[in-house]
Amino acid sequence: ATDIPCLAYRSGWKNPRIEWKFQKGSSLVLFYYGGQLTDPYKDRVRFSPTSIHFGTVTREDTGKYICEVVGDGSQIAKSEVNLIVQG
């Protein structure tokens, strides 16, 4: 199991909108937006405002996870985590 933190999350922001993207090479997948996990992530990822939790990871999950948080105004924060799955 793996947790990937959303370091961009700000608890002081009112109703922040959170989006998660997964970048692998030149492809970019938006897998959490509008308050929903997309297929195929919704069966294997648990979302919380401060992190996402993978029950299992495979080498396919190696790549860059980008968390974007948008506040009420024009505030925006972004954090990235590179995940490398061995084996």
PDB file of N, CA and C in Angstrom:
ATOM      1  N   ALA A   1       0.849  -1.199   0.000  1.00  0.00           N
ATOM      2  CA  ALA A   1       0.000   0.000   0.000  1.00  0.00           C
ATOM      3  C   ALA A   1       0.879   1.242   0.000  1.00  0.00           C
ATOM      4  N   THR A   2       0.391   2.283  -0.620  1.00  0.00           N
ATOM      5  CA  THR A   2       1.164   3.509  -0.767  1.00  0.00           C
ATOM      6  C   THR A   2       0.273   4.726  -0.567  1.00  0.00           C
ATOM      7  N   ASP A   3       0.778   5.700   0.178  1.00  0.00           N
ATOM      8  CA  ASP A   3       0.099   6.989   0.306  1.00  0.00           C
ATOM      9  C   ASP A   3       0.899   8.041  -0.431  1.00  0.00           C
ATOM     10  N   ILE A   4       0.224   8.854  -1.215  1.00  0.00           N
ATOM     11  CA  ILE A   4       0.881   9.953  -1.911  1.00  0.00           C
ATOM     12  C   ILE A   4       0.293  11.247  -1.369  1.00  0.00           C
ATOM     13  N   PRO A   5       1.122  12.082  -0.714  1.00  0.00           N
ATOM     14  CA  PRO A   5       0.582  13.282  -0.081  1.00  0.00           C
ATOM     15  C   PRO A   5       0.256  14.386  -1.082  1.00  0.00           C
ATOM     16  N   CYS A   6      -0.788  15.138  -0.770  1.00  0.00           N
ATOM     17  CA  CYS A   6      -1.088  16.360  -1.520  1.00  0.00           C
ATOM     18  C   CYS A   6      -0.509  17.509  -0.716  1.00  0.00           C
ATOM     19  N   LEU A   7       0.751  17.844  -0.994  1.00  0.00           N
ATOM     20  CA  LEU A   7       1.435  18.870  -0.213  1.00  0.00           C
ATOM     21  C   LEU A   7       0.882  20.258  -0.498  1.00  0.00           C
ATOM     22  N   ALA A   8       0.099  20.378  -1.565  1.00  0.00           N
ATOM     23  CA  ALA A   8      -0.479  21.677  -1.917  1.00  0.00           C
ATOM     24  C   ALA A   8      -1.712  22.000  -1.085  1.00  0.00           C
ATOM     25  N   TYR A   9      -2.259  21.008  -0.398  1.00  0.00           N
ATOM     26  CA  TYR A   9      -3.502  21.234   0.342  1.00  0.00           C
ATOM     27  C   TYR A   9      -3.321  22.281   1.431  1.00  0.00           C
ATOM     28  N   ARG A  10      -4.255  23.238   1.495  1.00  0.00           N
ATOM     29  CA  ARG A  10      -4.231  24.277   2.521  1.00  0.00           C
ATOM     30  C   ARG A  10      -5.519  24.186   3.323  1.00  0.00           C
ATOM     31  N   SER A  11      -5.388  23.887   4.616  1.00  0.00           N
ATOM     32  CA  SER A  11      -6.594  23.695   5.420  1.00  0.00           C
ATOM     33  C   SER A  11      -7.348  25.006   5.622  1.00  0.00           C
ATOM     34  N   GLY A  12      -6.670  26.131   5.469  1.00  0.00           N
ATOM     35  CA  GLY A  12      -7.322  27.418   5.673  1.00  0.00           C
ATOM     36  C   GLY A  12      -8.223  27.846   4.521  1.00  0.00           C
ATOM     37  N   TRP A  13      -8.084  27.210   3.376  1.00  0.00           N
ATOM     38  CA  TRP A  13      -8.885  27.603   2.220  1.00  0.00           C
ATOM     39  C   TRP A  13     -10.295  27.046   2.357  1.00  0.00           C
ATOM     40  N   LYS A  14     -11.272  27.865   1.991  1.00  0.00           N
ATOM     41  CA  LYS A  14     -12.666  27.411   2.058  1.00  0.00           C
ATOM     42  C   LYS A  14     -13.002  26.549   0.851  1.00  0.00           C
ATOM     43  N   ASN A  15     -13.567  25.386   1.099  1.00  0.00           N
ATOM     44  CA  ASN A  15     -14.012  24.476   0.031  1.00  0.00           C
ATOM     45  C   ASN A  15     -13.053  24.406  -1.145  1.00  0.00           C
ATOM     46  N   PRO A  16     -11.793  24.075  -0.885  1.00  0.00           N
ATOM     47  CA  PRO A  16     -10.871  24.009  -2.021  1.00  0.00           C
ATOM     48  C   PRO A  16     -11.259  22.900  -2.989  1.00  0.00           C
ATOM     49  N   ARG A  17     -11.023  23.142  -4.254  1.00  0.00           N
ATOM     50  CA  ARG A  17     -11.273  22.132  -5.285  1.00  0.00           C
ATOM     51  C   ARG A  17      -9.947  21.416  -5.558  1.00  0.00           C
ATOM     52  N   ILE A  18      -9.981  20.105  -5.466  1.00  0.00           N
ATOM     53  CA  ILE A  18      -8.745  19.330  -5.591  1.00  0.00           C
ATOM     54  C   ILE A  18      -8.799  18.466  -6.847  1.00  0.00           C
ATOM     55  N   GLU A  19      -7.718  18.485  -7.606  1.00  0.00           N
ATOM     56  CA  GLU A  19      -7.607  17.632  -8.783  1.00  0.00           C
ATOM     57  C   GLU A  19      -6.291  16.875  -8.716  1.00  0.00           C
ATOM     58  N   TRP A  20      -6.340  15.617  -9.126  1.00  0.00           N
ATOM     59  CA  TRP A  20      -5.132  14.800  -9.197  1.00  0.00           C
ATOM     60  C   TRP A  20      -4.885  14.389 -10.640  1.00  0.00           C
ATOM     61  N   LYS A  21      -3.625  14.497 -11.064  1.00  0.00           N
ATOM     62  CA  LYS A  21      -3.233  14.059 -12.406  1.00  0.00           C
ATOM     63  C   LYS A  21      -2.064  13.106 -12.273  1.00  0.00           C
ATOM     64  N   PHE A  22      -1.995  12.174 -13.210  1.00  0.00           N
ATOM     65  CA  PHE A  22      -0.892  11.227 -13.261  1.00  0.00           C
ATOM     66  C   PHE A  22      -0.184  11.401 -14.593  1.00  0.00           C
ATOM     67  N   GLN A  23       1.115  11.693 -14.521  1.00  0.00           N
ATOM     68  CA  GLN A  23       1.889  11.898 -15.729  1.00  0.00           C
ATOM     69  C   GLN A  23       2.905  10.785 -15.895  1.00  0.00           C
ATOM     70  N   LYS A  24       2.860  10.166 -17.077  1.00  0.00           N
ATOM     71  CA  LYS A  24       3.804   9.095 -17.394  1.00  0.00           C
ATOM     72  C   LYS A  24       4.282   9.349 -18.808  1.00  0.00           C
ATOM     73  N   GLY A  25       5.559   9.691 -18.947  1.00  0.00           N
ATOM     74  CA  GLY A  25       6.044  10.063 -20.271  1.00  0.00           C
ATOM     75  C   GLY A  25       5.273  11.261 -20.754  1.00  0.00           C
ATOM     76  N   SER A  26       4.714  11.168 -21.956  1.00  0.00           N
ATOM     77  CA  SER A  26       3.995  12.314 -22.511  1.00  0.00           C
ATOM     78  C   SER A  26       2.495  12.242 -22.237  1.00  0.00           C
ATOM     79  N   SER A  27       2.037  11.182 -21.551  1.00  0.00           N
ATOM     80  CA  SER A  27       0.598  11.074 -21.312  1.00  0.00           C
ATOM     81  C   SER A  27       0.240  11.623 -19.940  1.00  0.00           C
ATOM     82  N   LEU A  28      -0.904  12.285 -19.880  1.00  0.00           N
ATOM     83  CA  LEU A  28      -1.381  12.887 -18.641  1.00  0.00           C
ATOM     84  C   LEU A  28      -2.809  12.420 -18.413  1.00  0.00           C
ATOM     85  N   VAL A  29      -3.045  11.803 -17.256  1.00  0.00           N
ATOM     86  CA  VAL A  29      -4.370  11.292 -16.934  1.00  0.00           C
ATOM     87  C   VAL A  29      -4.926  12.096 -15.769  1.00  0.00           C
ATOM     88  N   LEU A  30      -6.129  12.650 -15.959  1.00  0.00           N
ATOM     89  CA  LEU A  30      -6.810  13.339 -14.866  1.00  0.00           C
ATOM     90  C   LEU A  30      -7.640  12.281 -14.152  1.00  0.00           C
ATOM     91  N   PHE A  31      -7.251  11.905 -12.917  1.00  0.00           N
ATOM     92  CA  PHE A  31      -7.963  10.784 -12.309  1.00  0.00           C
ATOM     93  C   PHE A  31      -8.768  11.140 -11.073  1.00  0.00           C
ATOM     94  N   TYR A  32      -8.676  12.377 -10.603  1.00  0.00           N
ATOM     95  CA  TYR A  32      -9.605  12.810  -9.565  1.00  0.00           C
ATOM     96  C   TYR A  32      -9.998  14.248  -9.855  1.00  0.00           C
ATOM     97  N   TYR A  33     -11.253  14.476 -10.162  1.00  0.00           N
ATOM     98  CA  TYR A  33     -11.744  15.836 -10.378  1.00  0.00           C
ATOM     99  C   TYR A  33     -13.249  15.851 -10.185  1.00  0.00           C
ATOM    100  N   GLY A  34     -13.771  17.023  -9.897  1.00  0.00           N
ATOM    101  CA  GLY A  34     -15.207  17.143  -9.665  1.00  0.00           C
ATOM    102  C   GLY A  34     -15.670  16.275  -8.502  1.00  0.00           C
ATOM    103  N   GLY A  35     -14.761  16.032  -7.555  1.00  0.00           N
ATOM    104  CA  GLY A  35     -15.118  15.229  -6.395  1.00  0.00           C
ATOM    105  C   GLY A  35     -15.235  13.743  -6.670  1.00  0.00           C
ATOM    106  N   GLN A  36     -14.712  13.293  -7.809  1.00  0.00           N
ATOM    107  CA  GLN A  36     -14.856  11.880  -8.191  1.00  0.00           C
ATOM    108  C   GLN A  36     -13.533  11.291  -8.660  1.00  0.00           C
ATOM    109  N   LEU A  37     -13.320  10.031  -8.314  1.00  0.00           N
ATOM    110  CA  LEU A  37     -12.231   9.270  -8.917  1.00  0.00           C
ATOM    111  C   LEU A  37     -12.730   8.694 -10.231  1.00  0.00           C
ATOM    112  N   THR A  38     -11.875   8.681 -11.240  1.00  0.00           N
ATOM    113  CA  THR A  38     -12.263   8.129 -12.534  1.00  0.00           C
ATOM    114  C   THR A  38     -11.867   6.647 -12.608  1.00  0.00           C
ATOM    115  N   ASP A  39     -12.430   5.928 -13.582  1.00  0.00           N
ATOM    116  CA  ASP A  39     -11.957   4.581 -13.892  1.00  0.00           C
ATOM    117  C   ASP A  39     -10.528   4.693 -14.398  1.00  0.00           C
ATOM    118  N   PRO A  40      -9.666   3.734 -14.164  1.00  0.00           N
ATOM    119  CA  PRO A  40      -9.864   2.555 -13.321  1.00  0.00           C
ATOM    120  C   PRO A  40      -9.461   2.803 -11.871  1.00  0.00           C
ATOM    121  N   TYR A  41      -9.244   4.075 -11.537  1.00  0.00           N
ATOM    122  CA  TYR A  41      -8.706   4.387 -10.211  1.00  0.00           C
ATOM    123  C   TYR A  41      -9.723   4.209  -9.083  1.00  0.00           C
ATOM    124  N   LYS A  42     -11.013   4.367  -9.415  1.00  0.00           N
ATOM    125  CA  LYS A  42     -11.975   4.408  -8.319  1.00  0.00           C
ATOM    126  C   LYS A  42     -12.072   3.093  -7.554  1.00  0.00           C
ATOM    127  N   ASP A  43     -11.639   1.998  -8.169  1.00  0.00           N
ATOM    128  CA  ASP A  43     -11.668   0.706  -7.481  1.00  0.00           C
ATOM    129  C   ASP A  43     -10.441   0.460  -6.612  1.00  0.00           C
ATOM    130  N   ARG A  44      -9.398   1.254  -6.818  1.00  0.00           N
ATOM    131  CA  ARG A  44      -8.155   0.942  -6.107  1.00  0.00           C
ATOM    132  C   ARG A  44      -7.528   2.111  -5.357  1.00  0.00           C
ATOM    133  N   VAL A  45      -8.157   3.267  -5.414  1.00  0.00           N
ATOM    134  CA  VAL A  45      -7.610   4.443  -4.745  1.00  0.00           C
ATOM    135  C   VAL A  45      -8.619   4.996  -3.759  1.00  0.00           C
ATOM    136  N   ARG A  46      -8.140   5.366  -2.570  1.00  0.00           N
ATOM    137  CA  ARG A  46      -8.984   6.042  -1.599  1.00  0.00           C
ATOM    138  C   ARG A  46      -8.511   7.489  -1.509  1.00  0.00           C
ATOM    139  N   PHE A  47      -9.449   8.415  -1.627  1.00  0.00           N
ATOM    140  CA  PHE A  47      -9.117   9.837  -1.642  1.00  0.00           C
ATOM    141  C   PHE A  47      -9.322  10.464  -0.271  1.00  0.00           C
ATOM    142  N   SER A  48      -8.405  11.318   0.136  1.00  0.00           N
ATOM    143  CA  SER A  48      -8.662  12.241   1.237  1.00  0.00           C
ATOM    144  C   SER A  48      -8.059  13.582   0.813  1.00  0.00           C
ATOM    145  N   PRO A  49      -8.483  14.683   1.426  1.00  0.00           N
ATOM    146  CA  PRO A  49      -7.978  15.988   0.969  1.00  0.00           C
ATOM    147  C   PRO A  49      -6.457  16.104   1.038  1.00  0.00           C
ATOM    148  N   THR A  50      -5.839  15.412   1.980  1.00  0.00           N
ATOM    149  CA  THR A  50      -4.396  15.571   2.161  1.00  0.00           C
ATOM    150  C   THR A  50      -3.554  14.519   1.459  1.00  0.00           C
ATOM    151  N   SER A  51      -4.200  13.456   0.942  1.00  0.00           N
ATOM    152  CA  SER A  51      -3.427  12.407   0.276  1.00  0.00           C
ATOM    153  C   SER A  51      -4.345  11.489  -0.526  1.00  0.00           C
ATOM    154  N   ILE A  52      -3.721  10.653  -1.353  1.00  0.00           N
ATOM    155  CA  ILE A  52      -4.445   9.537  -1.963  1.00  0.00           C
ATOM    156  C   ILE A  52      -3.776   8.255  -1.501  1.00  0.00           C
ATOM    157  N   HIS A  53      -4.567   7.224  -1.347  1.00  0.00           N
ATOM    158  CA  HIS A  53      -4.076   5.956  -0.819  1.00  0.00           C
ATOM    159  C   HIS A  53      -4.325   4.846  -1.833  1.00  0.00           C
ATOM    160  N   PHE A  54      -3.250   4.190  -2.259  1.00  0.00           N
ATOM    161  CA  PHE A  54      -3.350   3.031  -3.145  1.00  0.00           C
ATOM    162  C   PHE A  54      -3.295   1.768  -2.300  1.00  0.00           C
ATOM    163  N   GLY A  55      -4.267   0.895  -2.465  1.00  0.00           N
ATOM    164  CA  GLY A  55      -4.226  -0.389  -1.783  1.00  0.00           C
ATOM    165  C   GLY A  55      -3.070  -1.233  -2.278  1.00  0.00           C
ATOM    166  N   THR A  56      -2.890  -1.276  -3.584  1.00  0.00           N
ATOM    167  CA  THR A  56      -1.759  -1.987  -4.178  1.00  0.00           C
ATOM    168  C   THR A  56      -1.182  -1.124  -5.288  1.00  0.00           C
ATOM    169  N   VAL A  57       0.101  -1.244  -5.519  1.00  0.00           N
ATOM    170  CA  VAL A  57       0.731  -0.547  -6.642  1.00  0.00           C
ATOM    171  C   VAL A  57       1.492  -1.553  -7.485  1.00  0.00           C
ATOM    172  N   THR A  58       1.577  -1.264  -8.773  1.00  0.00           N
ATOM    173  CA  THR A  58       2.378  -2.080  -9.679  1.00  0.00           C
ATOM    174  C   THR A  58       3.358  -1.159 -10.390  1.00  0.00           C
ATOM    175  N   ARG A  59       4.225  -1.747 -11.183  1.00  0.00           N
ATOM    176  CA  ARG A  59       5.193  -0.921 -11.907  1.00  0.00           C
ATOM    177  C   ARG A  59       4.511   0.052 -12.861  1.00  0.00           C
ATOM    178  N   GLU A  60       3.297  -0.293 -13.268  1.00  0.00           N
ATOM    179  CA  GLU A  60       2.521   0.616 -14.127  1.00  0.00           C
ATOM    180  C   GLU A  60       2.222   1.946 -13.441  1.00  0.00           C
ATOM    181  N   ASP A  61       2.252   1.954 -12.110  1.00  0.00           N
ATOM    182  CA  ASP A  61       1.928   3.161 -11.357  1.00  0.00           C
ATOM    183  C   ASP A  61       3.118   4.099 -11.193  1.00  0.00           C
ATOM    184  N   THR A  62       4.289   3.661 -11.672  1.00  0.00           N
ATOM    185  CA  THR A  62       5.461   4.523 -11.625  1.00  0.00           C
ATOM    186  C   THR A  62       5.229   5.754 -12.500  1.00  0.00           C
ATOM    187  N   GLY A  63       5.489   6.911 -11.931  1.00  0.00           N
ATOM    188  CA  GLY A  63       5.311   8.148 -12.682  1.00  0.00           C
ATOM    189  C   GLY A  63       5.143   9.317 -11.734  1.00  0.00           C
ATOM    190  N   LYS A  64       4.667  10.438 -12.270  1.00  0.00           N
ATOM    191  CA  LYS A  64       4.539  11.656 -11.486  1.00  0.00           C
ATOM    192  C   LYS A  64       3.076  11.916 -11.144  1.00  0.00           C
ATOM    193  N   TYR A  65       2.814  12.128  -9.867  1.00  0.00           N
ATOM    194  CA  TYR A  65       1.463  12.420  -9.387  1.00  0.00           C
ATOM    195  C   TYR A  65       1.385  13.896  -9.027  1.00  0.00           C
ATOM    196  N   ILE A  66       0.456  14.585  -9.664  1.00  0.00           N
ATOM    197  CA  ILE A  66       0.343  16.031  -9.509  1.00  0.00           C
ATOM    198  C   ILE A  66      -0.979  16.364  -8.832  1.00  0.00           C
ATOM    199  N   CYS A  67      -0.879  17.068  -7.716  1.00  0.00           N
ATOM    200  CA  CYS A  67      -2.062  17.508  -6.979  1.00  0.00           C
ATOM    201  C   CYS A  67      -2.224  19.009  -7.183  1.00  0.00           C
ATOM    202  N   GLU A  68      -3.389  19.432  -7.643  1.00  0.00           N
ATOM    203  CA  GLU A  68      -3.681  20.848  -7.804  1.00  0.00           C
ATOM    204  C   GLU A  68      -4.853  21.233  -6.922  1.00  0.00           C
ATOM    205  N   VAL A  69      -4.659  22.294  -6.154  1.00  0.00           N
ATOM    206  CA  VAL A  69      -5.697  22.755  -5.242  1.00  0.00           C
ATOM    207  C   VAL A  69      -6.068  24.181  -5.634  1.00  0.00           C
ATOM    208  N   VAL A  70      -7.370  24.408  -5.856  1.00  0.00           N
ATOM    209  CA  VAL A  70      -7.854  25.728  -6.253  1.00  0.00           C
ATOM    210  C   VAL A  70      -8.756  26.263  -5.148  1.00  0.00           C
ATOM    211  N   GLY A  71      -8.427  27.460  -4.656  1.00  0.00           N
ATOM    212  CA  GLY A  71      -9.210  28.065  -3.586  1.00  0.00           C
ATOM    213  C   GLY A  71     -10.354  28.903  -4.121  1.00  0.00           C
ATOM    214  N   ASP A  72     -11.017  29.603  -3.196  1.00  0.00           N
ATOM    215  CA  ASP A  72     -12.172  30.429  -3.551  1.00  0.00           C
ATOM    216  C   ASP A  72     -11.840  31.503  -4.576  1.00  0.00           C
ATOM    217  N   GLY A  73     -10.781  32.235  -4.302  1.00  0.00           N
ATOM    218  CA  GLY A  73     -10.412  33.314  -5.201  1.00  0.00           C
ATOM    219  C   GLY A  73      -9.662  32.755  -6.381  1.00  0.00           C
ATOM    220  N   SER A  74      -8.537  33.389  -6.698  1.00  0.00           N
ATOM    221  CA  SER A  74      -7.724  32.867  -7.794  1.00  0.00           C
ATOM    222  C   SER A  74      -6.536  32.113  -7.218  1.00  0.00           C
ATOM    223  N   GLN A  75      -6.658  31.725  -5.930  1.00  0.00           N
ATOM    224  CA  GLN A  75      -5.560  30.995  -5.305  1.00  0.00           C
ATOM    225  C   GLN A  75      -5.403  29.636  -5.975  1.00  0.00           C
ATOM    226  N   ILE A  76      -4.164  29.262  -6.220  1.00  0.00           N
ATOM    227  CA  ILE A  76      -3.923  27.914  -6.730  1.00  0.00           C
ATOM    228  C   ILE A  76      -2.602  27.407  -6.174  1.00  0.00           C
ATOM    229  N   ALA A  77      -2.591  26.165  -5.776  1.00  0.00           N
ATOM    230  CA  ALA A  77      -1.363  25.556  -5.273  1.00  0.00           C
ATOM    231  C   ALA A  77      -1.205  24.209  -5.957  1.00  0.00           C
ATOM    232  N   LYS A  78       0.043  23.791  -6.114  1.00  0.00           N
ATOM    233  CA  LYS A  78       0.311  22.584  -6.871  1.00  0.00           C
ATOM    234  C   LYS A  78       1.480  21.853  -6.224  1.00  0.00           C
ATOM    235  N   SER A  79       1.376  20.544  -6.119  1.00  0.00           N
ATOM    236  CA  SER A  79       2.519  19.766  -5.632  1.00  0.00           C
ATOM    237  C   SER A  79       2.677  18.523  -6.494  1.00  0.00           C
ATOM    238  N   GLU A  80       3.890  18.027  -6.545  1.00  0.00           N
ATOM    239  CA  GLU A  80       4.191  16.858  -7.373  1.00  0.00           C
ATOM    240  C   GLU A  80       4.964  15.839  -6.567  1.00  0.00           C
ATOM    241  N   VAL A  81       4.651  14.570  -6.789  1.00  0.00           N
ATOM    242  CA  VAL A  81       5.400  13.482  -6.160  1.00  0.00           C
ATOM    243  C   VAL A  81       5.745  12.471  -7.245  1.00  0.00           C
ATOM    244  N   ASN A  82       7.020  12.122  -7.310  1.00  0.00           N
ATOM    245  CA  ASN A  82       7.434  11.060  -8.230  1.00  0.00           C
ATOM    246  C   ASN A  82       7.396   9.733  -7.500  1.00  0.00           C
ATOM    247  N   LEU A  83       6.644   8.801  -8.047  1.00  0.00           N
ATOM    248  CA  LEU A  83       6.544   7.481  -7.451  1.00  0.00           C
ATOM    249  C   LEU A  83       7.310   6.486  -8.305  1.00  0.00           C
ATOM    250  N   ILE A  84       8.188   5.728  -7.672  1.00  0.00           N
ATOM    251  CA  ILE A  84       8.915   4.681  -8.382  1.00  0.00           C
ATOM    252  C   ILE A  84       8.577   3.350  -7.715  1.00  0.00           C
ATOM    253  N   VAL A  85       7.999   2.453  -8.453  1.00  0.00           N
ATOM    254  CA  VAL A  85       7.633   1.140  -7.923  1.00  0.00           C
ATOM    255  C   VAL A  85       8.658   0.121  -8.399  1.00  0.00           C
ATOM    256  N   GLN A  86       9.323  -0.498  -7.458  1.00  0.00           N
ATOM    257  CA  GLN A  86      10.331  -1.503  -7.795  1.00  0.00           C
ATOM    258  C   GLN A  86       9.702  -2.873  -7.916  1.00  0.00           C
ATOM    259  N   GLY A  87      10.425  -3.783  -8.572  1.00  0.00           N
ATOM    260  CA  GLY A  87       9.995  -5.184  -8.560  1.00  0.00           C
ATOM    261  C   GLY A  87       9.050  -5.539  -9.669  1.00  0.00           C
TER     262      GLY A  87
END
